[in-house]
Amino acid sequence: MTRDFRPAKPSPAGILHIAKAWGVIDETQIKDHEPVAKVPIPLIMVGDSVDDIEAGYEAGAATVLVRSEGKEELERDVRTDVVVSR
């Protein structure tokens, strides 16, 4: 996926597109680039921004935050499942 994909993060559309392409979910689980129901999907979203974490959370993926200075608040966000340093 590139930054040109629309709708962009924090929409979960990119993650759902990948999940569908990989056969993890099917078309019935997606409506208008949003999950039909927030059901956990067997994917992990790794990122370093609130947009990454929100997109993963909204898609139903597990979220992994890569720790970075100034984002300590996001480490305690309920949408963040795991925090790693590198």
PDB file of N, CA and C in Angstrom:
ATOM      1  N   MET A   1       0.851  -1.168   0.000  1.00  0.00           N
ATOM      2  CA  MET A   1       0.000   0.000   0.000  1.00  0.00           C
ATOM      3  C   MET A   1       0.897   1.232   0.000  1.00  0.00           C
ATOM      4  N   THR A   2       0.408   2.263  -0.662  1.00  0.00           N
ATOM      5  CA  THR A   2       1.149   3.525  -0.676  1.00  0.00           C
ATOM      6  C   THR A   2       0.275   4.621  -0.081  1.00  0.00           C
ATOM      7  N   ARG A   3       0.847   5.784   0.070  1.00  0.00           N
ATOM      8  CA  ARG A   3       0.097   6.932   0.598  1.00  0.00           C
ATOM      9  C   ARG A   3      -0.999   7.381  -0.369  1.00  0.00           C
ATOM     10  N   ASP A   4      -0.955   6.907  -1.601  1.00  0.00           N
ATOM     11  CA  ASP A   4      -1.966   7.272  -2.594  1.00  0.00           C
ATOM     12  C   ASP A   4      -3.276   6.521  -2.396  1.00  0.00           C
ATOM     13  N   PHE A   5      -3.284   5.455  -1.600  1.00  0.00           N
ATOM     14  CA  PHE A   5      -4.506   4.681  -1.385  1.00  0.00           C
ATOM     15  C   PHE A   5      -5.551   5.558  -0.711  1.00  0.00           C
ATOM     16  N   ARG A   6      -6.779   5.491  -1.185  1.00  0.00           N
ATOM     17  CA  ARG A   6      -7.872   6.291  -0.626  1.00  0.00           C
ATOM     18  C   ARG A   6      -9.036   5.405  -0.265  1.00  0.00           C
ATOM     19  N   PRO A   7      -9.740   5.663   0.818  1.00  0.00           N
ATOM     20  CA  PRO A   7      -9.463   6.724   1.771  1.00  0.00           C
ATOM     21  C   PRO A   7      -8.230   6.410   2.609  1.00  0.00           C
ATOM     22  N   ALA A   8      -7.515   7.463   2.968  1.00  0.00           N
ATOM     23  CA  ALA A   8      -6.265   7.326   3.705  1.00  0.00           C
ATOM     24  C   ALA A   8      -6.501   7.045   5.189  1.00  0.00           C
ATOM     25  N   LYS A   9      -5.440   6.632   5.882  1.00  0.00           N
ATOM     26  CA  LYS A   9      -5.524   6.473   7.330  1.00  0.00           C
ATOM     27  C   LYS A   9      -5.945   7.807   7.938  1.00  0.00           C
ATOM     28  N   PRO A  10      -6.740   7.806   8.954  1.00  0.00           N
ATOM     29  CA  PRO A  10      -7.017   6.710   9.865  1.00  0.00           C
ATOM     30  C   PRO A  10      -8.155   5.784   9.438  1.00  0.00           C
ATOM     31  N   SER A  11      -8.663   5.926   8.219  1.00  0.00           N
ATOM     32  CA  SER A  11      -9.666   4.979   7.743  1.00  0.00           C
ATOM     33  C   SER A  11      -9.062   3.575   7.757  1.00  0.00           C
ATOM     34  N   PRO A  12      -9.832   2.580   8.129  1.00  0.00           N
ATOM     35  CA  PRO A  12      -9.331   1.211   8.103  1.00  0.00           C
ATOM     36  C   PRO A  12      -9.332   0.591   6.700  1.00  0.00           C
ATOM     37  N   ALA A  13      -9.711   1.355   5.697  1.00  0.00           N
ATOM     38  CA  ALA A  13      -9.882   0.821   4.341  1.00  0.00           C
ATOM     39  C   ALA A  13      -8.643   0.108   3.801  1.00  0.00           C
ATOM     40  N   GLY A  14      -7.462   0.668   4.009  1.00  0.00           N
ATOM     41  CA  GLY A  14      -6.240   0.048   3.496  1.00  0.00           C
ATOM     42  C   GLY A  14      -5.982  -1.311   4.121  1.00  0.00           C
ATOM     43  N   ILE A  15      -6.162  -1.400   5.418  1.00  0.00           N
ATOM     44  CA  ILE A  15      -5.958  -2.669   6.118  1.00  0.00           C
ATOM     45  C   ILE A  15      -6.992  -3.685   5.657  1.00  0.00           C
ATOM     46  N   LEU A  16      -8.239  -3.258   5.527  1.00  0.00           N
ATOM     47  CA  LEU A  16      -9.297  -4.164   5.077  1.00  0.00           C
ATOM     48  C   LEU A  16      -9.059  -4.620   3.641  1.00  0.00           C
ATOM     49  N   HIS A  17      -8.530  -3.731   2.804  1.00  0.00           N
ATOM     50  CA  HIS A  17      -8.195  -4.078   1.419  1.00  0.00           C
ATOM     51  C   HIS A  17      -7.146  -5.197   1.401  1.00  0.00           C
ATOM     52  N   ILE A  18      -6.113  -5.040   2.230  1.00  0.00           N
ATOM     53  CA  ILE A  18      -5.068  -6.060   2.317  1.00  0.00           C
ATOM     54  C   ILE A  18      -5.648  -7.368   2.854  1.00  0.00           C
ATOM     55  N   ALA A  19      -6.461  -7.277   3.904  1.00  0.00           N
ATOM     56  CA  ALA A  19      -7.062  -8.483   4.493  1.00  0.00           C
ATOM     57  C   ALA A  19      -7.905  -9.230   3.466  1.00  0.00           C
ATOM     58  N   LYS A  20      -8.637  -8.494   2.655  1.00  0.00           N
ATOM     59  CA  LYS A  20      -9.456  -9.122   1.611  1.00  0.00           C
ATOM     60  C   LYS A  20      -8.559  -9.756   0.549  1.00  0.00           C
ATOM     61  N   ALA A  21      -7.526  -9.034   0.118  1.00  0.00           N
ATOM     62  CA  ALA A  21      -6.620  -9.549  -0.922  1.00  0.00           C
ATOM     63  C   ALA A  21      -5.905 -10.813  -0.452  1.00  0.00           C
ATOM     64  N   TRP A  22      -5.595 -10.897   0.821  1.00  0.00           N
ATOM     65  CA  TRP A  22      -4.912 -12.068   1.382  1.00  0.00           C
ATOM     66  C   TRP A  22      -5.879 -13.184   1.745  1.00  0.00           C
ATOM     67  N   GLY A  23      -7.187 -12.958   1.576  1.00  0.00           N
ATOM     68  CA  GLY A  23      -8.178 -13.974   1.886  1.00  0.00           C
ATOM     69  C   GLY A  23      -8.473 -14.114   3.372  1.00  0.00           C
ATOM     70  N   VAL A  24      -8.097 -13.119   4.157  1.00  0.00           N
ATOM     71  CA  VAL A  24      -8.336 -13.141   5.605  1.00  0.00           C
ATOM     72  C   VAL A  24      -9.798 -12.824   5.917  1.00  0.00           C
ATOM     73  N   ILE A  25     -10.383 -11.942   5.115  1.00  0.00           N
ATOM     74  CA  ILE A  25     -11.799 -11.597   5.252  1.00  0.00           C
ATOM     75  C   ILE A  25     -12.425 -11.647   3.863  1.00  0.00           C
ATOM     76  N   ASP A  26     -13.753 -11.620   3.820  1.00  0.00           N
ATOM     77  CA  ASP A  26     -14.415 -11.595   2.519  1.00  0.00           C
ATOM     78  C   ASP A  26     -15.253 -10.324   2.385  1.00  0.00           C
ATOM     79  N   GLU A  27     -15.797 -10.143   1.198  1.00  0.00           N
ATOM     80  CA  GLU A  27     -16.548  -8.928   0.852  1.00  0.00           C
ATOM     81  C   GLU A  27     -17.712  -8.664   1.801  1.00  0.00           C
ATOM     82  N   THR A  28     -18.306  -9.713   2.355  1.00  0.00           N
ATOM     83  CA  THR A  28     -19.468  -9.515   3.229  1.00  0.00           C
ATOM     84  C   THR A  28     -19.091  -8.827   4.534  1.00  0.00           C
ATOM     85  N   GLN A  29     -17.809  -8.786   4.866  1.00  0.00           N
ATOM     86  CA  GLN A  29     -17.367  -8.161   6.110  1.00  0.00           C
ATOM     87  C   GLN A  29     -17.031  -6.674   5.943  1.00  0.00           C
ATOM     88  N   ILE A  30     -17.125  -6.159   4.695  1.00  0.00           N
ATOM     89  CA  ILE A  30     -16.769  -4.772   4.416  1.00  0.00           C
ATOM     90  C   ILE A  30     -17.926  -4.071   3.713  1.00  0.00           C
ATOM     91  N   LYS A  31     -18.216  -2.851   4.142  1.00  0.00           N
ATOM     92  CA  LYS A  31     -19.217  -2.025   3.475  1.00  0.00           C
ATOM     93  C   LYS A  31     -18.691  -0.599   3.427  1.00  0.00           C
ATOM     94  N   ASP A  32     -18.576  -0.043   2.236  1.00  0.00           N
ATOM     95  CA  ASP A  32     -18.097   1.331   2.068  1.00  0.00           C
ATOM     96  C   ASP A  32     -16.771   1.583   2.786  1.00  0.00           C
ATOM     97  N   HIS A  33     -15.826   0.695   2.597  1.00  0.00           N
ATOM     98  CA  HIS A  33     -14.476   0.800   3.166  1.00  0.00           C
ATOM     99  C   HIS A  33     -14.451   0.728   4.687  1.00  0.00           C
ATOM    100  N   GLU A  34     -15.523   0.307   5.321  1.00  0.00           N
ATOM    101  CA  GLU A  34     -15.575   0.181   6.777  1.00  0.00           C
ATOM    102  C   GLU A  34     -16.004  -1.240   7.112  1.00  0.00           C
ATOM    103  N   PRO A  35     -15.545  -1.770   8.236  1.00  0.00           N
ATOM    104  CA  PRO A  35     -15.999  -3.113   8.621  1.00  0.00           C
ATOM    105  C   PRO A  35     -17.485  -3.095   8.939  1.00  0.00           C
ATOM    106  N   VAL A  36     -18.202  -4.128   8.531  1.00  0.00           N
ATOM    107  CA  VAL A  36     -19.635  -4.230   8.803  1.00  0.00           C
ATOM    108  C   VAL A  36     -19.863  -4.299  10.310  1.00  0.00           C
ATOM    109  N   ALA A  37     -19.085  -5.075  10.996  1.00  0.00           N
ATOM    110  CA  ALA A  37     -19.156  -5.170  12.453  1.00  0.00           C
ATOM    111  C   ALA A  37     -17.722  -5.283  12.944  1.00  0.00           C
ATOM    112  N   LYS A  38     -17.429  -4.640  14.053  1.00  0.00           N
ATOM    113  CA  LYS A  38     -16.059  -4.694  14.552  1.00  0.00           C
ATOM    114  C   LYS A  38     -15.783  -6.088  15.106  1.00  0.00           C
ATOM    115  N   VAL A  39     -15.195  -6.900  14.253  1.00  0.00           N
ATOM    116  CA  VAL A  39     -14.855  -8.278  14.590  1.00  0.00           C
ATOM    117  C   VAL A  39     -13.343  -8.389  14.463  1.00  0.00           C
ATOM    118  N   PRO A  40     -12.684  -8.977  15.428  1.00  0.00           N
ATOM    119  CA  PRO A  40     -11.227  -9.125  15.316  1.00  0.00           C
ATOM    120  C   PRO A  40     -10.837  -9.875  14.049  1.00  0.00           C
ATOM    121  N   ILE A  41      -9.807  -9.375  13.385  1.00  0.00           N
ATOM    122  CA  ILE A  41      -9.265 -10.063  12.211  1.00  0.00           C
ATOM    123  C   ILE A  41      -7.831 -10.481  12.536  1.00  0.00           C
ATOM    124  N   PRO A  42      -7.357 -11.570  11.946  1.00  0.00           N
ATOM    125  CA  PRO A  42      -6.025 -12.078  12.283  1.00  0.00           C
ATOM    126  C   PRO A  42      -4.903 -11.342  11.549  1.00  0.00           C
ATOM    127  N   LEU A  43      -4.803 -10.040  11.812  1.00  0.00           N
ATOM    128  CA  LEU A  43      -3.732  -9.211  11.261  1.00  0.00           C
ATOM    129  C   LEU A  43      -3.183  -8.332  12.369  1.00  0.00           C
ATOM    130  N   ILE A  44      -1.980  -7.845  12.170  1.00  0.00           N
ATOM    131  CA  ILE A  44      -1.356  -6.907  13.099  1.00  0.00           C
ATOM    132  C   ILE A  44      -1.008  -5.644  12.331  1.00  0.00           C
ATOM    133  N   MET A  45      -1.382  -4.495  12.887  1.00  0.00           N
ATOM    134  CA  MET A  45      -0.994  -3.201  12.325  1.00  0.00           C
ATOM    135  C   MET A  45       0.123  -2.652  13.192  1.00  0.00           C
ATOM    136  N   VAL A  46       1.280  -2.450  12.587  1.00  0.00           N
ATOM    137  CA  VAL A  46       2.433  -1.897  13.289  1.00  0.00           C
ATOM    138  C   VAL A  46       2.646  -0.487  12.768  1.00  0.00           C
ATOM    139  N   GLY A  47       2.760   0.468  13.685  1.00  0.00           N
ATOM    140  CA  GLY A  47       2.971   1.839  13.264  1.00  0.00           C
ATOM    141  C   GLY A  47       3.467   2.714  14.393  1.00  0.00           C
ATOM    142  N   ASP A  48       3.695   3.980  14.049  1.00  0.00           N
ATOM    143  CA  ASP A  48       4.233   4.908  15.040  1.00  0.00           C
ATOM    144  C   ASP A  48       3.383   6.163  15.210  1.00  0.00           C
ATOM    145  N   SER A  49       2.152   6.123  14.713  1.00  0.00           N
ATOM    146  CA  SER A  49       1.311   7.313  14.817  1.00  0.00           C
ATOM    147  C   SER A  49      -0.100   6.949  15.260  1.00  0.00           C
ATOM    148  N   VAL A  50      -0.823   7.959  15.696  1.00  0.00           N
ATOM    149  CA  VAL A  50      -2.212   7.747  16.100  1.00  0.00           C
ATOM    150  C   VAL A  50      -3.036   7.264  14.910  1.00  0.00           C
ATOM    151  N   ASP A  51      -2.727   7.734  13.701  1.00  0.00           N
ATOM    152  CA  ASP A  51      -3.460   7.282  12.511  1.00  0.00           C
ATOM    153  C   ASP A  51      -3.252   5.784  12.274  1.00  0.00           C
ATOM    154  N   ASP A  52      -2.035   5.295  12.492  1.00  0.00           N
ATOM    155  CA  ASP A  52      -1.749   3.868  12.330  1.00  0.00           C
ATOM    156  C   ASP A  52      -2.546   3.048  13.338  1.00  0.00           C
ATOM    157  N   ILE A  53      -2.506   3.480  14.593  1.00  0.00           N
ATOM    158  CA  ILE A  53      -3.186   2.750  15.658  1.00  0.00           C
ATOM    159  C   ILE A  53      -4.695   2.798  15.459  1.00  0.00           C
ATOM    160  N   GLU A  54      -5.231   3.958  15.114  1.00  0.00           N
ATOM    161  CA  GLU A  54      -6.677   4.073  14.902  1.00  0.00           C
ATOM    162  C   GLU A  54      -7.130   3.216  13.729  1.00  0.00           C
ATOM    163  N   ALA A  55      -6.383   3.232  12.632  1.00  0.00           N
ATOM    164  CA  ALA A  55      -6.746   2.429  11.462  1.00  0.00           C
ATOM    165  C   ALA A  55      -6.761   0.940  11.809  1.00  0.00           C
ATOM    166  N   GLY A  56      -5.738   0.489  12.505  1.00  0.00           N
ATOM    167  CA  GLY A  56      -5.680  -0.914  12.907  1.00  0.00           C
ATOM    168  C   GLY A  56      -6.818  -1.288  13.835  1.00  0.00           C
ATOM    169  N   TYR A  57      -7.054  -0.455  14.812  1.00  0.00           N
ATOM    170  CA  TYR A  57      -8.121  -0.705  15.782  1.00  0.00           C
ATOM    171  C   TYR A  57      -9.486  -0.769  15.089  1.00  0.00           C
ATOM    172  N   GLU A  58      -9.760   0.191  14.227  1.00  0.00           N
ATOM    173  CA  GLU A  58     -11.057   0.235  13.532  1.00  0.00           C
ATOM    174  C   GLU A  58     -11.238  -0.927  12.572  1.00  0.00           C
ATOM    175  N   ALA A  59     -10.133  -1.456  12.040  1.00  0.00           N
ATOM    176  CA  ALA A  59     -10.219  -2.618  11.149  1.00  0.00           C
ATOM    177  C   ALA A  59     -10.430  -3.909  11.925  1.00  0.00           C
ATOM    178  N   GLY A  60     -10.101  -3.887  13.219  1.00  0.00           N
ATOM    179  CA  GLY A  60     -10.211  -5.096  14.026  1.00  0.00           C
ATOM    180  C   GLY A  60      -8.895  -5.837  14.169  1.00  0.00           C
ATOM    181  N   ALA A  61      -7.803  -5.216  13.708  1.00  0.00           N
ATOM    182  CA  ALA A  61      -6.478  -5.828  13.807  1.00  0.00           C
ATOM    183  C   ALA A  61      -5.871  -5.551  15.178  1.00  0.00           C
ATOM    184  N   ALA A  62      -4.923  -6.379  15.579  1.00  0.00           N
ATOM    185  CA  ALA A  62      -4.134  -6.078  16.768  1.00  0.00           C
ATOM    186  C   ALA A  62      -3.228  -4.907  16.407  1.00  0.00           C
ATOM    187  N   THR A  63      -2.962  -4.032  17.369  1.00  0.00           N
ATOM    188  CA  THR A  63      -2.157  -2.848  17.083  1.00  0.00           C
ATOM    189  C   THR A  63      -0.865  -2.869  17.875  1.00  0.00           C
ATOM    190  N   VAL A  64       0.225  -2.548  17.184  1.00  0.00           N
ATOM    191  CA  VAL A  64       1.542  -2.494  17.797  1.00  0.00           C
ATOM    192  C   VAL A  64       2.113  -1.102  17.538  1.00  0.00           C
ATOM    193  N   LEU A  65       2.371  -0.379  18.618  1.00  0.00           N
ATOM    194  CA  LEU A  65       2.943   0.962  18.517  1.00  0.00           C
ATOM    195  C   LEU A  65       4.451   0.882  18.656  1.00  0.00           C
ATOM    196  N   VAL A  66       5.166   1.467  17.698  1.00  0.00           N
ATOM    197  CA  VAL A  66       6.610   1.594  17.799  1.00  0.00           C
ATOM    198  C   VAL A  66       6.857   2.875  18.587  1.00  0.00           C
ATOM    199  N   ARG A  67       7.417   2.726  19.779  1.00  0.00           N
ATOM    200  CA  ARG A  67       7.625   3.834  20.708  1.00  0.00           C
ATOM    201  C   ARG A  67       8.473   4.926  20.057  1.00  0.00           C
ATOM    202  N   SER A  68       8.047   6.183  20.250  1.00  0.00           N
ATOM    203  CA  SER A  68       8.841   7.315  19.784  1.00  0.00           C
ATOM    204  C   SER A  68       8.580   8.510  20.699  1.00  0.00           C
ATOM    205  N   GLU A  69       9.551   9.370  20.776  1.00  0.00           N
ATOM    206  CA  GLU A  69       9.477  10.523  21.658  1.00  0.00           C
ATOM    207  C   GLU A  69       8.285  11.403  21.302  1.00  0.00           C
ATOM    208  N   GLY A  70       7.579  11.836  22.329  1.00  0.00           N
ATOM    209  CA  GLY A  70       6.421  12.701  22.124  1.00  0.00           C
ATOM    210  C   GLY A  70       5.115  11.945  21.932  1.00  0.00           C
ATOM    211  N   LYS A  71       5.168  10.620  21.918  1.00  0.00           N
ATOM    212  CA  LYS A  71       3.952   9.832  21.706  1.00  0.00           C
ATOM    213  C   LYS A  71       3.629   8.952  22.909  1.00  0.00           C
ATOM    214  N   GLU A  72       4.111   9.366  24.074  1.00  0.00           N
ATOM    215  CA  GLU A  72       3.911   8.577  25.286  1.00  0.00           C
ATOM    216  C   GLU A  72       2.431   8.392  25.608  1.00  0.00           C
ATOM    217  N   GLU A  73       1.633   9.384  25.308  1.00  0.00           N
ATOM    218  CA  GLU A  73       0.193   9.292  25.562  1.00  0.00           C
ATOM    219  C   GLU A  73      -0.429   8.146  24.770  1.00  0.00           C
ATOM    220  N   LEU A  74       0.036   7.954  23.543  1.00  0.00           N
ATOM    221  CA  LEU A  74      -0.486   6.894  22.688  1.00  0.00           C
ATOM    222  C   LEU A  74      -0.136   5.505  23.236  1.00  0.00           C
ATOM    223  N   GLU A  75       0.942   5.434  24.022  1.00  0.00           N
ATOM    224  CA  GLU A  75       1.326   4.158  24.630  1.00  0.00           C
ATOM    225  C   GLU A  75       0.258   3.664  25.604  1.00  0.00           C
ATOM    226  N   ARG A  76      -0.500   4.602  26.191  1.00  0.00           N
ATOM    227  CA  ARG A  76      -1.540   4.242  27.159  1.00  0.00           C
ATOM    228  C   ARG A  76      -2.948   4.262  26.554  1.00  0.00           C
ATOM    229  N   ASP A  77      -3.039   4.521  25.275  1.00  0.00           N
ATOM    230  CA  ASP A  77      -4.336   4.575  24.583  1.00  0.00           C
ATOM    231  C   ASP A  77      -4.960   3.180  24.573  1.00  0.00           C
ATOM    232  N   VAL A  78      -6.252   3.103  24.816  1.00  0.00           N
ATOM    233  CA  VAL A  78      -6.937   1.797  24.852  1.00  0.00           C
ATOM    234  C   VAL A  78      -6.891   1.076  23.504  1.00  0.00           C
ATOM    235  N   ARG A  79      -6.637   1.806  22.422  1.00  0.00           N
ATOM    236  CA  ARG A  79      -6.569   1.188  21.097  1.00  0.00           C
ATOM    237  C   ARG A  79      -5.215   0.549  20.818  1.00  0.00           C
ATOM    238  N   THR A  80      -4.222   0.817  21.663  1.00  0.00           N
ATOM    239  CA  THR A  80      -2.881   0.271  21.499  1.00  0.00           C
ATOM    240  C   THR A  80      -2.779  -1.042  22.268  1.00  0.00           C
ATOM    241  N   ASP A  81      -2.513  -2.129  21.558  1.00  0.00           N
ATOM    242  CA  ASP A  81      -2.403  -3.436  22.195  1.00  0.00           C
ATOM    243  C   ASP A  81      -1.007  -3.708  22.757  1.00  0.00           C
ATOM    244  N   VAL A  82       0.019  -3.363  21.999  1.00  0.00           N
ATOM    245  CA  VAL A  82       1.407  -3.654  22.383  1.00  0.00           C
ATOM    246  C   VAL A  82       2.269  -2.453  22.022  1.00  0.00           C
ATOM    247  N   VAL A  83       3.268  -2.186  22.867  1.00  0.00           N
ATOM    248  CA  VAL A  83       4.225  -1.122  22.596  1.00  0.00           C
ATOM    249  C   VAL A  83       5.620  -1.740  22.519  1.00  0.00           C
ATOM    250  N   VAL A  84       6.363  -1.427  21.464  1.00  0.00           N
ATOM    251  CA  VAL A  84       7.726  -1.934  21.303  1.00  0.00           C
ATOM    252  C   VAL A  84       8.666  -0.748  21.099  1.00  0.00           C
ATOM    253  N   SER A  85       9.922  -0.963  21.450  1.00  0.00           N
ATOM    254  CA  SER A  85      10.915   0.104  21.283  1.00  0.00           C
ATOM    255  C   SER A  85      11.558   0.098  19.908  1.00  0.00           C
ATOM    256  N   ARG A  86      11.611  -1.088  19.293  1.00  0.00           N
ATOM    257  CA  ARG A  86      12.206  -1.182  17.944  1.00  0.00           C
ATOM    258  C   ARG A  86      11.742  -2.448  17.271  1.00  0.00           C
TER     259      ARG A  86
END
